[in-house]
Amino acid sequence: GALPDDATIDLRLNSPGGSVFDAVAIYNALRRHLGEVTVWIDGIAASAASYIAMAGDTIVMPENAFLMIHDPSGLVMGTAEDMRSTAEALDKVKVSLIQGYAGKSGKPAWSA
């Protein structure tokens, strides 16, 4: 928030990932930023970090760097209903994330 609205951001990523909800918040903050955002994948942008990378206006990734995307996953303990509820939540997260990846790639979200 302390940056000028049009400041250039060079974001350097080397992360195995983390919370998908934190990644979505970071992605949205970067997309709202009016200045140019360049994401440099220095080593790995895996899991939730790969979604953050999609917020860049430009993504720079050397040949020996890694980008790892996978379906959302989680752990649940409880009843069958708890497990069904978690599965439904993961499906919703997946659909939401696919929109960001598809938007960046220029490819349709769902293809046969």
PDB file of N, CA and C in Angstrom:
ATOM      1  N   GLY A   1       0.791  -1.193   0.000  1.00  0.00           N
ATOM      2  CA  GLY A   1       0.000   0.000   0.000  1.00  0.00           C
ATOM      3  C   GLY A   1       0.841   1.268   0.000  1.00  0.00           C
ATOM      4  N   ALA A   2       2.114   1.171   0.405  1.00  0.00           N
ATOM      5  CA  ALA A   2       2.964   2.355   0.465  1.00  0.00           C
ATOM      6  C   ALA A   2       3.540   2.728  -0.898  1.00  0.00           C
ATOM      7  N   LEU A   3       3.426   1.841  -1.875  1.00  0.00           N
ATOM      8  CA  LEU A   3       3.941   2.127  -3.212  1.00  0.00           C
ATOM      9  C   LEU A   3       3.029   3.092  -3.953  1.00  0.00           C
ATOM     10  N   PRO A   4       3.617   3.952  -4.778  1.00  0.00           N
ATOM     11  CA  PRO A   4       2.757   4.764  -5.651  1.00  0.00           C
ATOM     12  C   PRO A   4       1.939   3.839  -6.558  1.00  0.00           C
ATOM     13  N   ASP A   5       0.751   4.297  -6.937  1.00  0.00           N
ATOM     14  CA  ASP A   5      -0.161   3.470  -7.728  1.00  0.00           C
ATOM     15  C   ASP A   5       0.450   2.957  -9.023  1.00  0.00           C
ATOM     16  N   ASP A   6       1.356   3.732  -9.607  1.00  0.00           N
ATOM     17  CA  ASP A   6       1.918   3.347 -10.901  1.00  0.00           C
ATOM     18  C   ASP A   6       3.350   2.811 -10.802  1.00  0.00           C
ATOM     19  N   ALA A   7       3.809   2.479  -9.592  1.00  0.00           N
ATOM     20  CA  ALA A   7       5.176   1.975  -9.412  1.00  0.00           C
ATOM     21  C   ALA A   7       5.349   0.644 -10.140  1.00  0.00           C
ATOM     22  N   THR A   8       6.524   0.457 -10.707  1.00  0.00           N
ATOM     23  CA  THR A   8       6.872  -0.819 -11.317  1.00  0.00           C
ATOM     24  C   THR A   8       7.199  -1.810 -10.204  1.00  0.00           C
ATOM     25  N   ILE A   9       6.680  -3.032 -10.332  1.00  0.00           N
ATOM     26  CA  ILE A   9       6.973  -4.085  -9.356  1.00  0.00           C
ATOM     27  C   ILE A   9       7.723  -5.200 -10.061  1.00  0.00           C
ATOM     28  N   ASP A  10       8.879  -5.558  -9.515  1.00  0.00           N
ATOM     29  CA  ASP A  10       9.620  -6.746  -9.930  1.00  0.00           C
ATOM     30  C   ASP A  10       9.491  -7.746  -8.789  1.00  0.00           C
ATOM     31  N   LEU A  11       8.661  -8.766  -9.007  1.00  0.00           N
ATOM     32  CA  LEU A  11       8.400  -9.773  -7.985  1.00  0.00           C
ATOM     33  C   LEU A  11       9.247 -10.999  -8.279  1.00  0.00           C
ATOM     34  N   ARG A  12      10.104 -11.359  -7.351  1.00  0.00           N
ATOM     35  CA  ARG A  12      10.964 -12.530  -7.514  1.00  0.00           C
ATOM     36  C   ARG A  12      10.369 -13.682  -6.727  1.00  0.00           C
ATOM     37  N   LEU A  13      10.077 -14.783  -7.442  1.00  0.00           N
ATOM     38  CA  LEU A  13       9.461 -15.951  -6.807  1.00  0.00           C
ATOM     39  C   LEU A  13      10.438 -17.120  -6.753  1.00  0.00           C
ATOM     40  N   ASN A  14      10.506 -17.737  -5.614  1.00  0.00           N
ATOM     41  CA  ASN A  14      11.177 -19.016  -5.407  1.00  0.00           C
ATOM     42  C   ASN A  14      10.458 -19.645  -4.220  1.00  0.00           C
ATOM     43  N   SER A  15       9.344 -20.314  -4.521  1.00  0.00           N
ATOM     44  CA  SER A  15       8.466 -20.770  -3.448  1.00  0.00           C
ATOM     45  C   SER A  15       7.838 -22.113  -3.774  1.00  0.00           C
ATOM     46  N   PRO A  16       7.760 -22.998  -2.754  1.00  0.00           N
ATOM     47  CA  PRO A  16       7.064 -24.271  -2.956  1.00  0.00           C
ATOM     48  C   PRO A  16       5.547 -24.134  -2.846  1.00  0.00           C
ATOM     49  N   GLY A  17       5.058 -22.941  -2.536  1.00  0.00           N
ATOM     50  CA  GLY A  17       3.615 -22.722  -2.444  1.00  0.00           C
ATOM     51  C   GLY A  17       3.185 -22.469  -1.026  1.00  0.00           C
ATOM     52  N   GLY A  18       1.909 -22.690  -0.779  1.00  0.00           N
ATOM     53  CA  GLY A  18       1.347 -22.433   0.540  1.00  0.00           C
ATOM     54  C   GLY A  18      -0.151 -22.362   0.446  1.00  0.00           C
ATOM     55  N   SER A  19      -0.735 -21.479   1.194  1.00  0.00           N
ATOM     56  CA  SER A  19      -2.186 -21.342   1.255  1.00  0.00           C
ATOM     57  C   SER A  19      -2.748 -20.805  -0.056  1.00  0.00           C
ATOM     58  N   VAL A  20      -3.706 -21.510  -0.609  1.00  0.00           N
ATOM     59  CA  VAL A  20      -4.336 -21.053  -1.849  1.00  0.00           C
ATOM     60  C   VAL A  20      -5.073 -19.740  -1.632  1.00  0.00           C
ATOM     61  N   PHE A  21      -5.643 -19.538  -0.463  1.00  0.00           N
ATOM     62  CA  PHE A  21      -6.384 -18.305  -0.206  1.00  0.00           C
ATOM     63  C   PHE A  21      -5.448 -17.112  -0.062  1.00  0.00           C
ATOM     64  N   ASP A  22      -4.267 -17.318   0.520  1.00  0.00           N
ATOM     65  CA  ASP A  22      -3.260 -16.255   0.548  1.00  0.00           C
ATOM     66  C   ASP A  22      -2.802 -15.939  -0.874  1.00  0.00           C
ATOM     67  N   ALA A  23      -2.603 -16.972  -1.680  1.00  0.00           N
ATOM     68  CA  ALA A  23      -2.170 -16.771  -3.065  1.00  0.00           C
ATOM     69  C   ALA A  23      -3.207 -15.988  -3.858  1.00  0.00           C
ATOM     70  N   VAL A  24      -4.477 -16.292  -3.665  1.00  0.00           N
ATOM     71  CA  VAL A  24      -5.541 -15.564  -4.357  1.00  0.00           C
ATOM     72  C   VAL A  24      -5.529 -14.091  -3.935  1.00  0.00           C
ATOM     73  N   ALA A  25      -5.336 -13.832  -2.651  1.00  0.00           N
ATOM     74  CA  ALA A  25      -5.290 -12.450  -2.167  1.00  0.00           C
ATOM     75  C   ALA A  25      -4.105 -11.698  -2.773  1.00  0.00           C
ATOM     76  N   ILE A  26      -2.938 -12.332  -2.845  1.00  0.00           N
ATOM     77  CA  ILE A  26      -1.752 -11.698  -3.433  1.00  0.00           C
ATOM     78  C   ILE A  26      -1.976 -11.470  -4.922  1.00  0.00           C
ATOM     79  N   TYR A  27      -2.515 -12.475  -5.611  1.00  0.00           N
ATOM     80  CA  TYR A  27      -2.831 -12.360  -7.039  1.00  0.00           C
ATOM     81  C   TYR A  27      -3.749 -11.156  -7.279  1.00  0.00           C
ATOM     82  N   ASN A  28      -4.827 -11.057  -6.497  1.00  0.00           N
ATOM     83  CA  ASN A  28      -5.777  -9.962  -6.681  1.00  0.00           C
ATOM     84  C   ASN A  28      -5.152  -8.603  -6.398  1.00  0.00           C
ATOM     85  N   ALA A  29      -4.303  -8.519  -5.382  1.00  0.00           N
ATOM     86  CA  ALA A  29      -3.624  -7.253  -5.072  1.00  0.00           C
ATOM     87  C   ALA A  29      -2.704  -6.851  -6.227  1.00  0.00           C
ATOM     88  N   LEU A  30      -1.980  -7.802  -6.779  1.00  0.00           N
ATOM     89  CA  LEU A  30      -1.089  -7.492  -7.904  1.00  0.00           C
ATOM     90  C   LEU A  30      -1.875  -7.100  -9.148  1.00  0.00           C
ATOM     91  N   ARG A  31      -3.005  -7.751  -9.391  1.00  0.00           N
ATOM     92  CA  ARG A  31      -3.828  -7.418 -10.566  1.00  0.00           C
ATOM     93  C   ARG A  31      -4.454  -6.029 -10.432  1.00  0.00           C
ATOM     94  N   ARG A  32      -4.741  -5.600  -9.210  1.00  0.00           N
ATOM     95  CA  ARG A  32      -5.304  -4.261  -8.985  1.00  0.00           C
ATOM     96  C   ARG A  32      -4.266  -3.163  -9.185  1.00  0.00           C
ATOM     97  N   HIS A  33      -3.002  -3.522  -9.046  1.00  0.00           N
ATOM     98  CA  HIS A  33      -1.930  -2.534  -9.119  1.00  0.00           C
ATOM     99  C   HIS A  33      -1.864  -1.926 -10.517  1.00  0.00           C
ATOM    100  N   LEU A  34      -1.789  -0.619 -10.605  1.00  0.00           N
ATOM    101  CA  LEU A  34      -1.820   0.069 -11.896  1.00  0.00           C
ATOM    102  C   LEU A  34      -0.486   0.035 -12.632  1.00  0.00           C
ATOM    103  N   GLY A  35       0.604  -0.138 -11.893  1.00  0.00           N
ATOM    104  CA  GLY A  35       1.924  -0.168 -12.520  1.00  0.00           C
ATOM    105  C   GLY A  35       2.223  -1.521 -13.137  1.00  0.00           C
ATOM    106  N   GLU A  36       3.294  -1.566 -13.890  1.00  0.00           N
ATOM    107  CA  GLU A  36       3.749  -2.807 -14.545  1.00  0.00           C
ATOM    108  C   GLU A  36       4.254  -3.792 -13.485  1.00  0.00           C
ATOM    109  N   VAL A  37       3.820  -5.049 -13.594  1.00  0.00           N
ATOM    110  CA  VAL A  37       4.252  -6.101 -12.676  1.00  0.00           C
ATOM    111  C   VAL A  37       4.990  -7.161 -13.491  1.00  0.00           C
ATOM    112  N   THR A  38       6.259  -7.344 -13.174  1.00  0.00           N
ATOM    113  CA  THR A  38       7.053  -8.401 -13.792  1.00  0.00           C
ATOM    114  C   THR A  38       7.341  -9.449 -12.735  1.00  0.00           C
ATOM    115  N   VAL A  39       6.990 -10.693 -13.041  1.00  0.00           N
ATOM    116  CA  VAL A  39       7.252 -11.804 -12.139  1.00  0.00           C
ATOM    117  C   VAL A  39       8.448 -12.574 -12.672  1.00  0.00           C
ATOM    118  N   TRP A  40       9.439 -12.726 -11.844  1.00  0.00           N
ATOM    119  CA  TRP A  40      10.641 -13.483 -12.172  1.00  0.00           C
ATOM    120  C   TRP A  40      10.586 -14.789 -11.382  1.00  0.00           C
ATOM    121  N   ILE A  41      10.517 -15.910 -12.078  1.00  0.00           N
ATOM    122  CA  ILE A  41      10.550 -17.208 -11.399  1.00  0.00           C
ATOM    123  C   ILE A  41      12.012 -17.624 -11.355  1.00  0.00           C
ATOM    124  N   ASP A  42      12.640 -17.378 -10.211  1.00  0.00           N
ATOM    125  CA  ASP A  42      14.079 -17.596 -10.075  1.00  0.00           C
ATOM    126  C   ASP A  42      14.445 -19.061  -9.874  1.00  0.00           C
ATOM    127  N   GLY A  43      13.593 -19.827  -9.252  1.00  0.00           N
ATOM    128  CA  GLY A  43      13.885 -21.234  -8.988  1.00  0.00           C
ATOM    129  C   GLY A  43      12.649 -22.073  -9.229  1.00  0.00           C
ATOM    130  N   ILE A  44      11.650 -21.896  -8.355  1.00  0.00           N
ATOM    131  CA  ILE A  44      10.403 -22.643  -8.484  1.00  0.00           C
ATOM    132  C   ILE A  44       9.228 -21.766  -8.054  1.00  0.00           C
ATOM    133  N   ALA A  45       8.163 -21.882  -8.796  1.00  0.00           N
ATOM    134  CA  ALA A  45       6.874 -21.315  -8.407  1.00  0.00           C
ATOM    135  C   ALA A  45       5.914 -22.495  -8.445  1.00  0.00           C
ATOM    136  N   ALA A  46       5.744 -23.129  -7.313  1.00  0.00           N
ATOM    137  CA  ALA A  46       4.950 -24.357  -7.242  1.00  0.00           C
ATOM    138  C   ALA A  46       3.654 -24.097  -6.500  1.00  0.00           C
ATOM    139  N   SER A  47       2.667 -24.893  -6.846  1.00  0.00           N
ATOM    140  CA  SER A  47       1.403 -24.901  -6.129  1.00  0.00           C
ATOM    141  C   SER A  47       0.818 -23.495  -6.070  1.00  0.00           C
ATOM    142  N   ALA A  48       0.529 -22.980  -4.885  1.00  0.00           N
ATOM    143  CA  ALA A  48      -0.087 -21.665  -4.766  1.00  0.00           C
ATOM    144  C   ALA A  48       0.793 -20.556  -5.344  1.00  0.00           C
ATOM    145  N   ALA A  49       2.100 -20.714  -5.287  1.00  0.00           N
ATOM    146  CA  ALA A  49       3.006 -19.698  -5.850  1.00  0.00           C
ATOM    147  C   ALA A  49       2.859 -19.609  -7.367  1.00  0.00           C
ATOM    148  N   SER A  50       2.490 -20.716  -8.014  1.00  0.00           N
ATOM    149  CA  SER A  50       2.292 -20.668  -9.466  1.00  0.00           C
ATOM    150  C   SER A  50       1.125 -19.760  -9.814  1.00  0.00           C
ATOM    151  N   TYR A  51       0.130 -19.694  -8.953  1.00  0.00           N
ATOM    152  CA  TYR A  51      -1.020 -18.826  -9.197  1.00  0.00           C
ATOM    153  C   TYR A  51      -0.625 -17.359  -9.036  1.00  0.00           C
ATOM    154  N   ILE A  52       0.198 -17.068  -8.053  1.00  0.00           N
ATOM    155  CA  ILE A  52       0.697 -15.701  -7.882  1.00  0.00           C
ATOM    156  C   ILE A  52       1.430 -15.260  -9.142  1.00  0.00           C
ATOM    157  N   ALA A  53       2.204 -16.154  -9.725  1.00  0.00           N
ATOM    158  CA  ALA A  53       2.954 -15.820 -10.940  1.00  0.00           C
ATOM    159  C   ALA A  53       2.036 -15.354 -12.063  1.00  0.00           C
ATOM    160  N   MET A  54       0.825 -15.879 -12.126  1.00  0.00           N
ATOM    161  CA  MET A  54      -0.106 -15.525 -13.189  1.00  0.00           C
ATOM    162  C   MET A  54      -0.547 -14.067 -13.137  1.00  0.00           C
ATOM    163  N   ALA A  55      -0.289 -13.383 -12.027  1.00  0.00           N
ATOM    164  CA  ALA A  55      -0.677 -11.979 -11.881  1.00  0.00           C
ATOM    165  C   ALA A  55       0.264 -11.035 -12.610  1.00  0.00           C
ATOM    166  N   GLY A  56       1.408 -11.527 -13.052  1.00  0.00           N
ATOM    167  CA  GLY A  56       2.372 -10.658 -13.711  1.00  0.00           C
ATOM    168  C   GLY A  56       1.921 -10.223 -15.094  1.00  0.00           C
ATOM    169  N   ASP A  57       2.212  -8.972 -15.429  1.00  0.00           N
ATOM    170  CA  ASP A  57       2.012  -8.528 -16.808  1.00  0.00           C
ATOM    171  C   ASP A  57       3.003  -9.250 -17.710  1.00  0.00           C
ATOM    172  N   THR A  58       4.180  -9.496 -17.147  1.00  0.00           N
ATOM    173  CA  THR A  58       5.238 -10.256 -17.815  1.00  0.00           C
ATOM    174  C   THR A  58       5.739 -11.303 -16.835  1.00  0.00           C
ATOM    175  N   ILE A  59       5.976 -12.506 -17.336  1.00  0.00           N
ATOM    176  CA  ILE A  59       6.561 -13.571 -16.523  1.00  0.00           C
ATOM    177  C   ILE A  59       7.886 -13.957 -17.164  1.00  0.00           C
ATOM    178  N   VAL A  60       8.955 -13.915 -16.369  1.00  0.00           N
ATOM    179  CA  VAL A  60      10.287 -14.291 -16.845  1.00  0.00           C
ATOM    180  C   VAL A  60      10.688 -15.565 -16.120  1.00  0.00           C
ATOM    181  N   MET A  61      11.004 -16.599 -16.901  1.00  0.00           N
ATOM    182  CA  MET A  61      11.319 -17.896 -16.309  1.00  0.00           C
ATOM    183  C   MET A  61      12.489 -18.515 -17.073  1.00  0.00           C
ATOM    184  N   PRO A  62      13.668 -18.598 -16.466  1.00  0.00           N
ATOM    185  CA  PRO A  62      14.795 -19.235 -17.137  1.00  0.00           C
ATOM    186  C   PRO A  62      14.510 -20.712 -17.433  1.00  0.00           C
ATOM    187  N   GLU A  63      15.266 -21.277 -18.343  1.00  0.00           N
ATOM    188  CA  GLU A  63      15.081 -22.678 -18.734  1.00  0.00           C
ATOM    189  C   GLU A  63      15.200 -23.645 -17.569  1.00  0.00           C
ATOM    190  N   ASN A  64      15.997 -23.310 -16.573  1.00  0.00           N
ATOM    191  CA  ASN A  64      16.214 -24.239 -15.459  1.00  0.00           C
ATOM    192  C   ASN A  64      15.314 -23.962 -14.258  1.00  0.00           C
ATOM    193  N   ALA A  65      14.331 -23.091 -14.427  1.00  0.00           N
ATOM    194  CA  ALA A  65      13.354 -22.821 -13.362  1.00  0.00           C
ATOM    195  C   ALA A  65      12.137 -23.735 -13.548  1.00  0.00           C
ATOM    196  N   PHE A  66      11.307 -23.805 -12.523  1.00  0.00           N
ATOM    197  CA  PHE A  66      10.166 -24.724 -12.540  1.00  0.00           C
ATOM    198  C   PHE A  66       8.878 -23.996 -12.175  1.00  0.00           C
ATOM    199  N   LEU A  67       7.814 -24.377 -12.865  1.00  0.00           N
ATOM    200  CA  LEU A  67       6.457 -23.935 -12.563  1.00  0.00           C
ATOM    201  C   LEU A  67       5.637 -25.191 -12.388  1.00  0.00           C
ATOM    202  N   MET A  68       5.018 -25.358 -11.222  1.00  0.00           N
ATOM    203  CA  MET A  68       4.263 -26.580 -10.951  1.00  0.00           C
ATOM    204  C   MET A  68       2.835 -26.218 -10.586  1.00  0.00           C
ATOM    205  N   ILE A  69       1.894 -26.762 -11.377  1.00  0.00           N
ATOM    206  CA  ILE A  69       0.470 -26.526 -11.180  1.00  0.00           C
ATOM    207  C   ILE A  69      -0.191 -27.862 -10.888  1.00  0.00           C
ATOM    208  N   HIS A  70      -1.089 -27.884  -9.926  1.00  0.00           N
ATOM    209  CA  HIS A  70      -1.826 -29.116  -9.631  1.00  0.00           C
ATOM    210  C   HIS A  70      -3.210 -28.767  -9.126  1.00  0.00           C
ATOM    211  N   ASP A  71      -4.077 -29.749  -9.103  1.00  0.00           N
ATOM    212  CA  ASP A  71      -5.403 -29.547  -8.531  1.00  0.00           C
ATOM    213  C   ASP A  71      -5.255 -29.206  -7.052  1.00  0.00           C
ATOM    214  N   PRO A  72      -6.161 -28.385  -6.518  1.00  0.00           N
ATOM    215  CA  PRO A  72      -6.085 -28.073  -5.098  1.00  0.00           C
ATOM    216  C   PRO A  72      -6.259 -29.331  -4.246  1.00  0.00           C
ATOM    217  N   SER A  73      -5.584 -29.337  -3.133  1.00  0.00           N
ATOM    218  CA  SER A  73      -5.665 -30.490  -2.235  1.00  0.00           C
ATOM    219  C   SER A  73      -5.795 -29.993  -0.806  1.00  0.00           C
ATOM    220  N   GLY A  74      -6.205 -30.873   0.064  1.00  0.00           N
ATOM    221  CA  GLY A  74      -6.353 -30.518   1.459  1.00  0.00           C
ATOM    222  C   GLY A  74      -6.551 -31.760   2.306  1.00  0.00           C
ATOM    223  N   LEU A  75      -6.592 -31.554   3.568  1.00  0.00           N
ATOM    224  CA  LEU A  75      -6.806 -32.643   4.521  1.00  0.00           C
ATOM    225  C   LEU A  75      -8.097 -32.390   5.280  1.00  0.00           C
ATOM    226  N   VAL A  76      -8.772 -33.465   5.600  1.00  0.00           N
ATOM    227  CA  VAL A  76      -9.995 -33.339   6.383  1.00  0.00           C
ATOM    228  C   VAL A  76     -10.102 -34.543   7.308  1.00  0.00           C
ATOM    229  N   MET A  77     -10.614 -34.296   8.477  1.00  0.00           N
ATOM    230  CA  MET A  77     -10.891 -35.378   9.409  1.00  0.00           C
ATOM    231  C   MET A  77     -12.311 -35.171   9.894  1.00  0.00           C
ATOM    232  N   GLY A  78     -13.069 -36.212   9.887  1.00  0.00           N
ATOM    233  CA  GLY A  78     -14.431 -36.077  10.366  1.00  0.00           C
ATOM    234  C   GLY A  78     -15.353 -37.084   9.712  1.00  0.00           C
ATOM    235  N   THR A  79     -16.585 -36.678   9.607  1.00  0.00           N
ATOM    236  CA  THR A  79     -17.619 -37.556   9.083  1.00  0.00           C
ATOM    237  C   THR A  79     -17.596 -37.586   7.555  1.00  0.00           C
ATOM    238  N   ALA A  80     -18.394 -38.485   6.996  1.00  0.00           N
ATOM    239  CA  ALA A  80     -18.527 -38.544   5.539  1.00  0.00           C
ATOM    240  C   ALA A  80     -19.021 -37.203   5.005  1.00  0.00           C
ATOM    241  N   GLU A  81     -19.928 -36.569   5.723  1.00  0.00           N
ATOM    242  CA  GLU A  81     -20.439 -35.251   5.300  1.00  0.00           C
ATOM    243  C   GLU A  81     -19.322 -34.207   5.303  1.00  0.00           C
ATOM    244  N   ASP A  82     -18.443 -34.252   6.306  1.00  0.00           N
ATOM    245  CA  ASP A  82     -17.298 -33.338   6.345  1.00  0.00           C
ATOM    246  C   ASP A  82     -16.432 -33.543   5.103  1.00  0.00           C
ATOM    247  N   MET A  83     -16.214 -34.787   4.738  1.00  0.00           N
ATOM    248  CA  MET A  83     -15.368 -35.096   3.587  1.00  0.00           C
ATOM    249  C   MET A  83     -16.035 -34.666   2.282  1.00  0.00           C
ATOM    250  N   ARG A  84     -17.341 -34.884   2.157  1.00  0.00           N
ATOM    251  CA  ARG A  84     -18.048 -34.422   0.963  1.00  0.00           C
ATOM    252  C   ARG A  84     -17.997 -32.902   0.864  1.00  0.00           C
ATOM    253  N   SER A  85     -18.169 -32.229   1.982  1.00  0.00           N
ATOM    254  CA  SER A  85     -18.133 -30.768   2.008  1.00  0.00           C
ATOM    255  C   SER A  85     -16.758 -30.251   1.577  1.00  0.00           C
ATOM    256  N   THR A  86     -15.707 -30.885   2.062  1.00  0.00           N
ATOM    257  CA  THR A  86     -14.355 -30.481   1.683  1.00  0.00           C
ATOM    258  C   THR A  86     -14.120 -30.735   0.197  1.00  0.00           C
ATOM    259  N   ALA A  87     -14.592 -31.862  -0.312  1.00  0.00           N
ATOM    260  CA  ALA A  87     -14.448 -32.164  -1.742  1.00  0.00           C
ATOM    261  C   ALA A  87     -15.161 -31.106  -2.582  1.00  0.00           C
ATOM    262  N   GLU A  88     -16.354 -30.694  -2.162  1.00  0.00           N
ATOM    263  CA  GLU A  88     -17.091 -29.654  -2.882  1.00  0.00           C
ATOM    264  C   GLU A  88     -16.338 -28.324  -2.845  1.00  0.00           C
ATOM    265  N   ALA A  89     -15.758 -27.997  -1.703  1.00  0.00           N
ATOM    266  CA  ALA A  89     -14.987 -26.758  -1.587  1.00  0.00           C
ATOM    267  C   ALA A  89     -13.764 -26.800  -2.503  1.00  0.00           C
ATOM    268  N   LEU A  90     -13.076 -27.938  -2.548  1.00  0.00           N
ATOM    269  CA  LEU A  90     -11.911 -28.072  -3.430  1.00  0.00           C
ATOM    270  C   LEU A  90     -12.309 -27.938  -4.897  1.00  0.00           C
ATOM    271  N   ASP A  91     -13.467 -28.472  -5.261  1.00  0.00           N
ATOM    272  CA  ASP A  91     -13.954 -28.321  -6.638  1.00  0.00           C
ATOM    273  C   ASP A  91     -14.197 -26.854  -6.967  1.00  0.00           C
ATOM    274  N   LYS A  92     -14.751 -26.088  -6.037  1.00  0.00           N
ATOM    275  CA  LYS A  92     -14.994 -24.663  -6.259  1.00  0.00           C
ATOM    276  C   LYS A  92     -13.679 -23.902  -6.403  1.00  0.00           C
ATOM    277  N   VAL A  93     -12.719 -24.233  -5.569  1.00  0.00           N
ATOM    278  CA  VAL A  93     -11.406 -23.593  -5.658  1.00  0.00           C
ATOM    279  C   VAL A  93     -10.777 -23.890  -7.012  1.00  0.00           C
ATOM    280  N   LYS A  94     -10.870 -25.133  -7.461  1.00  0.00           N
ATOM    281  CA  LYS A  94     -10.292 -25.524  -8.747  1.00  0.00           C
ATOM    282  C   LYS A  94     -10.875 -24.693  -9.890  1.00  0.00           C
ATOM    283  N   VAL A  95     -12.187 -24.571  -9.937  1.00  0.00           N
ATOM    284  CA  VAL A  95     -12.831 -23.797 -10.998  1.00  0.00           C
ATOM    285  C   VAL A  95     -12.355 -22.351 -10.971  1.00  0.00           C
ATOM    286  N   SER A  96     -12.248 -21.785  -9.785  1.00  0.00           N
ATOM    287  CA  SER A  96     -11.791 -20.406  -9.646  1.00  0.00           C
ATOM    288  C   SER A  96     -10.355 -20.238 -10.141  1.00  0.00           C
ATOM    289  N   LEU A  97      -9.470 -21.137  -9.741  1.00  0.00           N
ATOM    290  CA  LEU A  97      -8.062 -21.036 -10.146  1.00  0.00           C
ATOM    291  C   LEU A  97      -7.890 -21.225 -11.641  1.00  0.00           C
ATOM    292  N   ILE A  98      -8.651 -22.137 -12.216  1.00  0.00           N
ATOM    293  CA  ILE A  98      -8.541 -22.386 -13.657  1.00  0.00           C
ATOM    294  C   ILE A  98      -8.791 -21.102 -14.438  1.00  0.00           C
ATOM    295  N   GLN A  99      -9.708 -20.271 -13.961  1.00  0.00           N
ATOM    296  CA  GLN A  99      -9.988 -19.013 -14.653  1.00  0.00           C
ATOM    297  C   GLN A  99      -8.733 -18.137 -14.732  1.00  0.00           C
ATOM    298  N   GLY A 100      -7.973 -18.066 -13.651  1.00  0.00           N
ATOM    299  CA  GLY A 100      -6.747 -17.267 -13.647  1.00  0.00           C
ATOM    300  C   GLY A 100      -5.677 -17.827 -14.559  1.00  0.00           C
ATOM    301  N   TYR A 101      -5.488 -19.145 -14.526  1.00  0.00           N
ATOM    302  CA  TYR A 101      -4.495 -19.767 -15.408  1.00  0.00           C
ATOM    303  C   TYR A 101      -4.910 -19.609 -16.863  1.00  0.00           C
ATOM    304  N   ALA A 102      -6.183 -19.847 -17.154  1.00  0.00           N
ATOM    305  CA  ALA A 102      -6.668 -19.740 -18.532  1.00  0.00           C
ATOM    306  C   ALA A 102      -6.558 -18.301 -19.028  1.00  0.00           C
ATOM    307  N   GLY A 103      -6.918 -17.362 -18.176  1.00  0.00           N
ATOM    308  CA  GLY A 103      -6.824 -15.964 -18.568  1.00  0.00           C
ATOM    309  C   GLY A 103      -5.408 -15.565 -18.953  1.00  0.00           C
ATOM    310  N   LYS A 104      -4.440 -16.047 -18.205  1.00  0.00           N
ATOM    311  CA  LYS A 104      -3.049 -15.708 -18.502  1.00  0.00           C
ATOM    312  C   LYS A 104      -2.564 -16.411 -19.758  1.00  0.00           C
ATOM    313  N   SER A 105      -3.001 -17.650 -19.958  1.00  0.00           N
ATOM    314  CA  SER A 105      -2.522 -18.422 -21.111  1.00  0.00           C
ATOM    315  C   SER A 105      -3.201 -18.019 -22.410  1.00  0.00           C
ATOM    316  N   GLY A 106      -4.386 -17.413 -22.304  1.00  0.00           N
ATOM    317  CA  GLY A 106      -5.143 -17.110 -23.507  1.00  0.00           C
ATOM    318  C   GLY A 106      -5.879 -18.313 -24.075  1.00  0.00           C
ATOM    319  N   LYS A 107      -5.803 -19.418 -23.388  1.00  0.00           N
ATOM    320  CA  LYS A 107      -6.482 -20.656 -23.810  1.00  0.00           C
ATOM    321  C   LYS A 107      -7.824 -20.755 -23.090  1.00  0.00           C
ATOM    322  N   PRO A 108      -8.762 -21.518 -23.669  1.00  0.00           N
ATOM    323  CA  PRO A 108     -10.041 -21.684 -22.974  1.00  0.00           C
ATOM    324  C   PRO A 108      -9.852 -22.447 -21.659  1.00  0.00           C
ATOM    325  N   ALA A 109     -10.709 -22.140 -20.691  1.00  0.00           N
ATOM    326  CA  ALA A 109     -10.617 -22.789 -19.396  1.00  0.00           C
ATOM    327  C   ALA A 109     -10.842 -24.295 -19.497  1.00  0.00           C
ATOM    328  N   TRP A 110     -11.734 -24.695 -20.344  1.00  0.00           N
ATOM    329  CA  TRP A 110     -12.053 -26.117 -20.475  1.00  0.00           C
ATOM    330  C   TRP A 110     -11.916 -26.512 -21.930  1.00  0.00           C
ATOM    331  N   SER A 111     -11.113 -27.486 -22.194  1.00  0.00           N
ATOM    332  CA  SER A 111     -10.990 -27.987 -23.567  1.00  0.00           C
ATOM    333  C   SER A 111     -11.068 -29.492 -23.560  1.00  0.00           C
ATOM    334  N   ALA A 112     -11.561 -30.033 -24.654  1.00  0.00           N
ATOM    335  CA  ALA A 112     -11.720 -31.493 -24.753  1.00  0.00           C
ATOM    336  C   ALA A 112     -10.403 -32.148 -25.097  1.00  0.00           C
TER     337      ALA A 112
END
